[in-house]
Amino acid sequence: MSSKAIDILSILNGCSVFATLKEPQLRELAGKARIEHYSERTLLTLRGELPEHLRYVVSGSIDLVLSTPDGGFSSVPLIEGRWATWLGCFGSEPLVHDLWSSTNATYVAIPCREVIRMAGNNPETLREVIEQVGGWTRFLTGSILSFAAYGPEKRLAYLLLLASTESFSITREGQATALTQTHISQFGFGSRQKVSRLLRGLADKGLIEMRYGGVIIPSRARLQAFIADDRFPPSDLSRKTARG
């Protein structure tokens, strides 16, 4: 995607935080922003540092990575349409993880100091920042708790349910998402092959539809029913699959 095709002002207007600002403030902030392109994985912010920019993911992802000297590795991706990261921008403590770009990634980067300055005297803007941080906190808390509460299939269903909440909205009900098998595997589900088997199991139950490069959630209510109780009514999709 070329820089000319990226409408920074529209991206800001589409964010609940920046939508609270007045038009002159939005235009000033857009003027401070820059477009970044990365063809290879690139370290953006090192663990123990504070990020200098708040980034909007236009394409690719920004990965929150924790690695250890003995080879341990864990990664959580922030994919297209997400900001990385509100807590990093407004928090006073250094990051406890690295921030890496994916390959073939494009971002809109805004200096954190400018974002903080714009929000500092606007209570409504700060409330929206708290909502953004709260949504991410709920997602991570639910993900962590689900490890002990559910088996792998229900845990994946729970992750998809969390990802489709209004506050987090990695994906939305009835819409294709860029949440890939690789992304899901990075949430602690093992190899892509294992993730593929889990997704096929959910698809056979009519809970998701698999698409190239992502999945579709036809009904959040059905995901909730499955998590609450295995004995839920079959969908039209699962009936067709059984007959086939």
C-alpha atoms as a PDB file:
ATOM      1  CA  MET A   1       0.000   0.000   0.000  1.00  0.00           C
ATOM      2  CA  SER A   2       1.402   3.394  -0.940  1.00  0.00           C
ATOM      3  CA  SER A   3       1.640   6.205   1.577  1.00  0.00           C
ATOM      4  CA  LYS A   4      -0.668   8.312  -0.610  1.00  0.00           C
ATOM      5  CA  ALA A   5      -3.439   5.725  -0.242  1.00  0.00           C
ATOM      6  CA  ILE A   6      -3.404   5.984   3.565  1.00  0.00           C
ATOM      7  CA  ASP A   7      -5.796   8.619   4.909  1.00  0.00           C
ATOM      8  CA  ILE A   8      -4.352   9.397   8.337  1.00  0.00           C
ATOM      9  CA  LEU A   9      -7.178  11.784   9.223  1.00  0.00           C
ATOM     10  CA  SER A  10      -9.789   9.088   8.528  1.00  0.00           C
ATOM     11  CA  ILE A  11      -7.847   6.608  10.675  1.00  0.00           C
ATOM     12  CA  LEU A  12      -7.818   9.091  13.557  1.00  0.00           C
ATOM     13  CA  ASN A  13     -11.519   9.847  13.134  1.00  0.00           C
ATOM     14  CA  GLY A  14     -12.239   6.114  13.196  1.00  0.00           C
ATOM     15  CA  CYS A  15     -10.643   5.721  16.629  1.00  0.00           C
ATOM     16  CA  SER A  16     -12.860   6.367  19.667  1.00  0.00           C
ATOM     17  CA  VAL A  17      -9.962   8.082  21.463  1.00  0.00           C
ATOM     18  CA  PHE A  18      -9.111  10.596  18.750  1.00  0.00           C
ATOM     19  CA  ALA A  19     -12.733  11.094  17.720  1.00  0.00           C
ATOM     20  CA  THR A  20     -13.145  13.077  20.958  1.00  0.00           C
ATOM     21  CA  LEU A  21     -10.713  15.745  19.706  1.00  0.00           C
ATOM     22  CA  LYS A  22     -11.710  18.834  17.773  1.00  0.00           C
ATOM     23  CA  GLU A  23     -10.993  19.090  14.067  1.00  0.00           C
ATOM     24  CA  PRO A  24      -7.984  21.450  14.421  1.00  0.00           C
ATOM     25  CA  GLN A  25      -6.430  19.087  16.968  1.00  0.00           C
ATOM     26  CA  LEU A  26      -6.986  16.108  14.680  1.00  0.00           C
ATOM     27  CA  ARG A  27      -5.343  17.878  11.771  1.00  0.00           C
ATOM     28  CA  GLU A  28      -2.403  18.905  13.926  1.00  0.00           C
ATOM     29  CA  LEU A  29      -1.971  15.327  15.146  1.00  0.00           C
ATOM     30  CA  ALA A  30      -2.228  13.975  11.607  1.00  0.00           C
ATOM     31  CA  GLY A  31       0.517  16.394  10.608  1.00  0.00           C
ATOM     32  CA  LYS A  32       2.794  14.902  13.287  1.00  0.00           C
ATOM     33  CA  ALA A  33       2.224  11.346  12.066  1.00  0.00           C
ATOM     34  CA  ARG A  34       4.406   9.401   9.659  1.00  0.00           C
ATOM     35  CA  ILE A  35       3.947   6.316   7.515  1.00  0.00           C
ATOM     36  CA  GLU A  36       6.306   3.416   8.209  1.00  0.00           C
ATOM     37  CA  HIS A  37       6.971   0.434   5.928  1.00  0.00           C
ATOM     38  CA  TYR A  38       8.910  -2.665   7.021  1.00  0.00           C
ATOM     39  CA  SER A  39       9.758  -5.414   4.542  1.00  0.00           C
ATOM     40  CA  GLU A  40      11.559  -7.498   7.191  1.00  0.00           C
ATOM     41  CA  ARG A  41      10.958  -8.169  10.882  1.00  0.00           C
ATOM     42  CA  THR A  42      12.313  -5.174  12.758  1.00  0.00           C
ATOM     43  CA  LEU A  43      12.731  -4.439  16.468  1.00  0.00           C
ATOM     44  CA  LEU A  44      10.618  -1.358  17.225  1.00  0.00           C
ATOM     45  CA  THR A  45      10.998  -1.082  21.010  1.00  0.00           C
ATOM     46  CA  LEU A  46      13.295  -3.081  23.275  1.00  0.00           C
ATOM     47  CA  ARG A  47      12.089  -4.554  26.553  1.00  0.00           C
ATOM     48  CA  GLY A  48      12.942  -2.177  29.399  1.00  0.00           C
ATOM     49  CA  GLU A  49      12.298   0.906  27.258  1.00  0.00           C
ATOM     50  CA  LEU A  50       9.265   3.120  26.693  1.00  0.00           C
ATOM     51  CA  PRO A  51       7.990   3.310  23.104  1.00  0.00           C
ATOM     52  CA  GLU A  52       8.413   6.650  21.379  1.00  0.00           C
ATOM     53  CA  HIS A  53       5.476   6.147  19.005  1.00  0.00           C
ATOM     54  CA  LEU A  54       1.894   4.947  19.163  1.00  0.00           C
ATOM     55  CA  ARG A  55       1.370   2.887  15.995  1.00  0.00           C
ATOM     56  CA  TYR A  56      -1.747   1.981  14.038  1.00  0.00           C
ATOM     57  CA  VAL A  57      -1.421  -1.293  12.111  1.00  0.00           C
ATOM     58  CA  VAL A  58      -2.440  -0.684   8.491  1.00  0.00           C
ATOM     59  CA  SER A  59      -1.145  -4.070   7.306  1.00  0.00           C
ATOM     60  CA  GLY A  60       0.839  -6.894   8.853  1.00  0.00           C
ATOM     61  CA  SER A  61       1.082  -6.929  12.633  1.00  0.00           C
ATOM     62  CA  ILE A  62       3.024  -5.651  15.608  1.00  0.00           C
ATOM     63  CA  ASP A  63       4.128  -8.529  17.811  1.00  0.00           C
ATOM     64  CA  LEU A  64       4.522  -8.357  21.588  1.00  0.00           C
ATOM     65  CA  VAL A  65       7.449 -10.731  22.127  1.00  0.00           C
ATOM     66  CA  LEU A  66       8.974 -12.195  25.278  1.00  0.00           C
ATOM     67  CA  SER A  67      12.123 -14.267  24.769  1.00  0.00           C
ATOM     68  CA  THR A  68      14.614 -15.802  27.197  1.00  0.00           C
ATOM     69  CA  PRO A  69      18.345 -16.532  26.938  1.00  0.00           C
ATOM     70  CA  ASP A  70      17.670 -20.294  26.971  1.00  0.00           C
ATOM     71  CA  GLY A  71      15.392 -20.119  23.919  1.00  0.00           C
ATOM     72  CA  GLY A  72      11.991 -19.557  25.477  1.00  0.00           C
ATOM     73  CA  PHE A  73       9.647 -17.573  23.265  1.00  0.00           C
ATOM     74  CA  SER A  74       6.112 -16.214  23.436  1.00  0.00           C
ATOM     75  CA  SER A  75       4.378 -13.769  21.109  1.00  0.00           C
ATOM     76  CA  VAL A  76       1.019 -11.998  20.914  1.00  0.00           C
ATOM     77  CA  PRO A  77       0.146 -10.256  17.629  1.00  0.00           C
ATOM     78  CA  LEU A  78      -1.690  -6.953  17.278  1.00  0.00           C
ATOM     79  CA  ILE A  79      -3.158  -7.200  13.801  1.00  0.00           C
ATOM     80  CA  GLU A  80      -4.671  -4.826  11.249  1.00  0.00           C
ATOM     81  CA  GLY A  81      -6.859  -2.101  12.685  1.00  0.00           C
ATOM     82  CA  ARG A  82      -5.285  -2.182  16.160  1.00  0.00           C
ATOM     83  CA  TRP A  83      -3.115   0.392  17.969  1.00  0.00           C
ATOM     84  CA  ALA A  84       0.181  -0.561  19.630  1.00  0.00           C
ATOM     85  CA  THR A  85      -0.014   0.240  22.389  1.00  0.00           C
ATOM     86  CA  TRP A  86      -2.151   2.516  24.546  1.00  0.00           C
ATOM     87  CA  LEU A  87      -0.574   1.253  27.762  1.00  0.00           C
ATOM     88  CA  GLY A  88       2.892   1.717  26.278  1.00  0.00           C
ATOM     89  CA  CYS A  89       2.032   5.293  25.338  1.00  0.00           C
ATOM     90  CA  PHE A  90       0.344   6.364  28.583  1.00  0.00           C
ATOM     91  CA  GLY A  91       2.109   4.065  31.060  1.00  0.00           C
ATOM     92  CA  SER A  92       5.040   5.325  33.089  1.00  0.00           C
ATOM     93  CA  GLU A  93       6.771   1.946  33.427  1.00  0.00           C
ATOM     94  CA  PRO A  94       9.041   0.487  30.689  1.00  0.00           C
ATOM     95  CA  LEU A  95       7.755  -2.412  28.605  1.00  0.00           C
ATOM     96  CA  VAL A  96       8.206  -5.943  29.946  1.00  0.00           C
ATOM     97  CA  HIS A  97       8.387  -7.284  26.375  1.00  0.00           C
ATOM     98  CA  ASP A  98       9.802  -6.304  22.986  1.00  0.00           C
ATOM     99  CA  LEU A  99       7.762  -4.796  20.161  1.00  0.00           C
ATOM    100  CA  TRP A 100       8.579  -6.235  16.729  1.00  0.00           C
ATOM    101  CA  SER A 101       7.182  -5.478  13.313  1.00  0.00           C
ATOM    102  CA  SER A 102       6.062  -8.367  11.150  1.00  0.00           C
ATOM    103  CA  THR A 103       7.351  -8.746   7.626  1.00  0.00           C
ATOM    104  CA  ASN A 104       5.636  -6.633   4.965  1.00  0.00           C
ATOM    105  CA  ALA A 105       4.064  -4.319   7.533  1.00  0.00           C
ATOM    106  CA  THR A 106       2.771  -0.764   7.246  1.00  0.00           C
ATOM    107  CA  TYR A 107       1.964   1.500  10.182  1.00  0.00           C
ATOM    108  CA  VAL A 108       0.847   5.016  10.983  1.00  0.00           C
ATOM    109  CA  ALA A 109       3.193   6.193  13.766  1.00  0.00           C
ATOM    110  CA  ILE A 110       2.390   9.162  16.009  1.00  0.00           C
ATOM    111  CA  PRO A 111       4.848  10.444  18.651  1.00  0.00           C
ATOM    112  CA  CYS A 112       3.621   9.445  22.112  1.00  0.00           C
ATOM    113  CA  ARG A 113       4.451  12.883  23.500  1.00  0.00           C
ATOM    114  CA  GLU A 114       2.012  14.456  20.998  1.00  0.00           C
ATOM    115  CA  VAL A 115      -0.750  11.984  21.851  1.00  0.00           C
ATOM    116  CA  ILE A 116      -0.273  12.605  25.588  1.00  0.00           C
ATOM    117  CA  ARG A 117      -0.246  16.362  25.059  1.00  0.00           C
ATOM    118  CA  MET A 118      -3.496  16.279  23.066  1.00  0.00           C
ATOM    119  CA  ALA A 119      -5.224  14.042  25.624  1.00  0.00           C
ATOM    120  CA  GLY A 120      -3.849  15.711  28.744  1.00  0.00           C
ATOM    121  CA  ASN A 121      -6.480  18.420  29.041  1.00  0.00           C
ATOM    122  CA  ASN A 122      -9.413  16.444  27.658  1.00  0.00           C
ATOM    123  CA  PRO A 123     -11.209  14.199  30.225  1.00  0.00           C
ATOM    124  CA  GLU A 124     -13.359  12.582  27.526  1.00  0.00           C
ATOM    125  CA  THR A 125     -10.259  11.549  25.581  1.00  0.00           C
ATOM    126  CA  LEU A 126      -8.650  10.114  28.705  1.00  0.00           C
ATOM    127  CA  ARG A 127     -11.820   8.103  29.466  1.00  0.00           C
ATOM    128  CA  GLU A 128     -11.601   6.561  25.997  1.00  0.00           C
ATOM    129  CA  VAL A 129      -7.937   5.706  26.605  1.00  0.00           C
ATOM    130  CA  ILE A 130      -8.981   3.914  29.817  1.00  0.00           C
ATOM    131  CA  GLU A 131     -11.604   1.982  27.814  1.00  0.00           C
ATOM    132  CA  GLN A 132      -8.948   0.893  25.311  1.00  0.00           C
ATOM    133  CA  VAL A 133      -6.572  -0.253  28.060  1.00  0.00           C
ATOM    134  CA  GLY A 134      -9.471  -1.958  29.848  1.00  0.00           C
ATOM    135  CA  GLY A 135     -10.481  -3.893  26.724  1.00  0.00           C
ATOM    136  CA  TRP A 136      -6.957  -5.207  26.261  1.00  0.00           C
ATOM    137  CA  THR A 137      -6.727  -6.073  29.974  1.00  0.00           C
ATOM    138  CA  ARG A 138     -10.002  -8.023  29.846  1.00  0.00           C
ATOM    139  CA  PHE A 139      -8.791  -9.907  26.776  1.00  0.00           C
ATOM    140  CA  LEU A 140      -5.480 -10.901  28.391  1.00  0.00           C
ATOM    141  CA  THR A 141      -7.108 -11.748  31.734  1.00  0.00           C
ATOM    142  CA  GLY A 142      -9.691 -13.955  30.056  1.00  0.00           C
ATOM    143  CA  SER A 143      -7.022 -15.648  27.937  1.00  0.00           C
ATOM    144  CA  ILE A 144      -4.884 -16.427  30.983  1.00  0.00           C
ATOM    145  CA  LEU A 145      -7.787 -17.740  33.074  1.00  0.00           C
ATOM    146  CA  SER A 146      -9.072 -19.913  30.216  1.00  0.00           C
ATOM    147  CA  PHE A 147      -5.878 -22.021  30.265  1.00  0.00           C
ATOM    148  CA  ALA A 148      -6.916 -23.661  33.538  1.00  0.00           C
ATOM    149  CA  ALA A 149     -10.693 -23.509  33.053  1.00  0.00           C
ATOM    150  CA  TYR A 150     -11.141 -25.147  29.612  1.00  0.00           C
ATOM    151  CA  GLY A 151      -9.759 -27.802  27.332  1.00  0.00           C
ATOM    152  CA  PRO A 152      -8.077 -26.719  24.071  1.00  0.00           C
ATOM    153  CA  GLU A 153     -11.234 -26.599  21.905  1.00  0.00           C
ATOM    154  CA  LYS A 154     -13.288 -24.565  24.368  1.00  0.00           C
ATOM    155  CA  ARG A 155     -10.273 -22.375  25.110  1.00  0.00           C
ATOM    156  CA  LEU A 156     -10.017 -21.526  21.410  1.00  0.00           C
ATOM    157  CA  ALA A 157     -13.761 -20.828  21.273  1.00  0.00           C
ATOM    158  CA  TYR A 158     -13.344 -18.555  24.296  1.00  0.00           C
ATOM    159  CA  LEU A 159     -10.408 -16.747  22.653  1.00  0.00           C
ATOM    160  CA  LEU A 160     -12.499 -16.101  19.522  1.00  0.00           C
ATOM    161  CA  LEU A 161     -15.368 -14.875  21.696  1.00  0.00           C
ATOM    162  CA  LEU A 162     -13.043 -12.455  23.494  1.00  0.00           C
ATOM    163  CA  ALA A 163     -11.507 -11.328  20.206  1.00  0.00           C
ATOM    164  CA  SER A 164     -14.963 -10.419  18.866  1.00  0.00           C
ATOM    165  CA  THR A 165     -16.086  -8.299  21.813  1.00  0.00           C
ATOM    166  CA  GLU A 166     -16.975  -4.702  21.017  1.00  0.00           C
ATOM    167  CA  SER A 167     -14.150  -3.320  23.145  1.00  0.00           C
ATOM    168  CA  PHE A 168     -11.433  -5.479  21.583  1.00  0.00           C
ATOM    169  CA  SER A 169     -12.848  -6.347  18.151  1.00  0.00           C
ATOM    170  CA  ILE A 170      -9.977  -8.212  16.510  1.00  0.00           C
ATOM    171  CA  THR A 171     -12.823  -9.792  14.591  1.00  0.00           C
ATOM    172  CA  ARG A 172     -16.553  -9.138  14.298  1.00  0.00           C
ATOM    173  CA  GLU A 173     -19.545 -11.430  14.097  1.00  0.00           C
ATOM    174  CA  GLY A 174     -20.290 -12.418  10.500  1.00  0.00           C
ATOM    175  CA  GLN A 175     -17.157 -10.770   9.069  1.00  0.00           C
ATOM    176  CA  ALA A 176     -13.959 -12.347   7.809  1.00  0.00           C
ATOM    177  CA  THR A 177     -10.943 -11.656  10.003  1.00  0.00           C
ATOM    178  CA  ALA A 178      -7.208 -11.604   9.433  1.00  0.00           C
ATOM    179  CA  LEU A 179      -6.705 -13.758  12.549  1.00  0.00           C
ATOM    180  CA  THR A 180      -4.674 -16.605  11.024  1.00  0.00           C
ATOM    181  CA  GLN A 181      -3.631 -20.024  12.296  1.00  0.00           C
ATOM    182  CA  THR A 182      -0.161 -18.609  12.922  1.00  0.00           C
ATOM    183  CA  HIS A 183      -1.624 -15.795  15.042  1.00  0.00           C
ATOM    184  CA  ILE A 184      -3.710 -18.267  17.053  1.00  0.00           C
ATOM    185  CA  SER A 185      -0.752 -20.585  17.621  1.00  0.00           C
ATOM    186  CA  GLN A 186       1.102 -17.655  19.198  1.00  0.00           C
ATOM    187  CA  PHE A 187      -1.547 -17.480  21.918  1.00  0.00           C
ATOM    188  CA  GLY A 188      -0.246 -20.777  23.315  1.00  0.00           C
ATOM    189  CA  PHE A 189      -2.199 -23.293  21.218  1.00  0.00           C
ATOM    190  CA  GLY A 190       0.837 -25.134  19.875  1.00  0.00           C
ATOM    191  CA  SER A 191       1.703 -25.732  16.242  1.00  0.00           C
ATOM    192  CA  ARG A 192      -0.287 -24.513  13.238  1.00  0.00           C
ATOM    193  CA  GLN A 193      -1.231 -28.147  12.604  1.00  0.00           C
ATOM    194  CA  LYS A 194      -2.785 -28.415  16.074  1.00  0.00           C
ATOM    195  CA  VAL A 195      -4.580 -25.097  15.584  1.00  0.00           C
ATOM    196  CA  SER A 196      -5.891 -26.329  12.236  1.00  0.00           C
ATOM    197  CA  ARG A 197      -7.362 -29.434  13.898  1.00  0.00           C
ATOM    198  CA  LEU A 198      -9.008 -27.326  16.615  1.00  0.00           C
ATOM    199  CA  LEU A 199     -10.482 -24.942  14.042  1.00  0.00           C
ATOM    200  CA  ARG A 200     -11.834 -27.837  11.979  1.00  0.00           C
ATOM    201  CA  GLY A 201     -13.479 -29.199  15.124  1.00  0.00           C
ATOM    202  CA  LEU A 202     -15.231 -25.871  15.725  1.00  0.00           C
ATOM    203  CA  ALA A 203     -16.181 -25.647  12.049  1.00  0.00           C
ATOM    204  CA  ASP A 204     -17.717 -29.163  12.159  1.00  0.00           C
ATOM    205  CA  LYS A 205     -19.918 -27.947  15.014  1.00  0.00           C
ATOM    206  CA  GLY A 206     -21.030 -24.927  12.971  1.00  0.00           C
ATOM    207  CA  LEU A 207     -19.353 -22.492  15.356  1.00  0.00           C
ATOM    208  CA  ILE A 208     -16.997 -20.948  12.799  1.00  0.00           C
ATOM    209  CA  GLU A 209     -16.430 -20.894   9.071  1.00  0.00           C
ATOM    210  CA  MET A 210     -12.878 -21.334   7.849  1.00  0.00           C
ATOM    211  CA  ARG A 211     -11.619 -19.023   5.126  1.00  0.00           C
ATOM    212  CA  TYR A 212      -8.232 -18.649   3.492  1.00  0.00           C
ATOM    213  CA  GLY A 213      -6.186 -16.433   5.788  1.00  0.00           C
ATOM    214  CA  GLY A 214      -8.762 -16.258   8.568  1.00  0.00           C
ATOM    215  CA  VAL A 215     -12.071 -17.349  10.101  1.00  0.00           C
ATOM    216  CA  ILE A 216     -15.655 -16.095  10.341  1.00  0.00           C
ATOM    217  CA  ILE A 217     -17.778 -16.242  13.495  1.00  0.00           C
ATOM    218  CA  PRO A 218     -21.404 -16.652  12.312  1.00  0.00           C
ATOM    219  CA  SER A 219     -22.861 -16.253  15.815  1.00  0.00           C
ATOM    220  CA  ARG A 220     -21.272 -15.123  19.082  1.00  0.00           C
ATOM    221  CA  ALA A 221     -24.330 -16.510  20.900  1.00  0.00           C
ATOM    222  CA  ARG A 222     -23.539 -20.027  19.652  1.00  0.00           C
ATOM    223  CA  LEU A 223     -19.940 -19.702  20.831  1.00  0.00           C
ATOM    224  CA  GLN A 224     -21.231 -18.654  24.260  1.00  0.00           C
ATOM    225  CA  ALA A 225     -23.641 -21.611  24.350  1.00  0.00           C
ATOM    226  CA  PHE A 226     -20.863 -24.032  23.402  1.00  0.00           C
ATOM    227  CA  ILE A 227     -18.559 -22.704  26.121  1.00  0.00           C
ATOM    228  CA  ALA A 228     -21.354 -22.914  28.713  1.00  0.00           C
ATOM    229  CA  ASP A 229     -22.571 -26.387  27.722  1.00  0.00           C
ATOM    230  CA  ASP A 230     -21.596 -28.894  25.026  1.00  0.00           C
ATOM    231  CA  ARG A 231     -25.285 -29.813  24.525  1.00  0.00           C
ATOM    232  CA  PHE A 232     -26.290 -26.952  22.270  1.00  0.00           C
ATOM    233  CA  PRO A 233     -28.582 -27.153  19.212  1.00  0.00           C
ATOM    234  CA  PRO A 234     -26.828 -27.822  15.882  1.00  0.00           C
ATOM    235  CA  SER A 235     -26.668 -24.982  13.381  1.00  0.00           C
ATOM    236  CA  ASP A 236     -27.813 -25.200   9.770  1.00  0.00           C
ATOM    237  CA  LEU A 237     -24.144 -25.321   8.778  1.00  0.00           C
ATOM    238  CA  SER A 238     -23.368 -28.322  11.007  1.00  0.00           C
ATOM    239  CA  ARG A 239     -26.540 -30.133   9.789  1.00  0.00           C
ATOM    240  CA  LYS A 240     -25.401 -29.681   6.160  1.00  0.00           C
ATOM    241  CA  THR A 241     -21.936 -30.951   7.071  1.00  0.00           C
ATOM    242  CA  ALA A 242     -23.427 -34.054   8.731  1.00  0.00           C
ATOM    243  CA  ARG A 243     -25.643 -34.816   5.724  1.00  0.00           C
ATOM    244  CA  GLY A 244     -22.728 -34.289   3.339  1.00  0.00           C
END
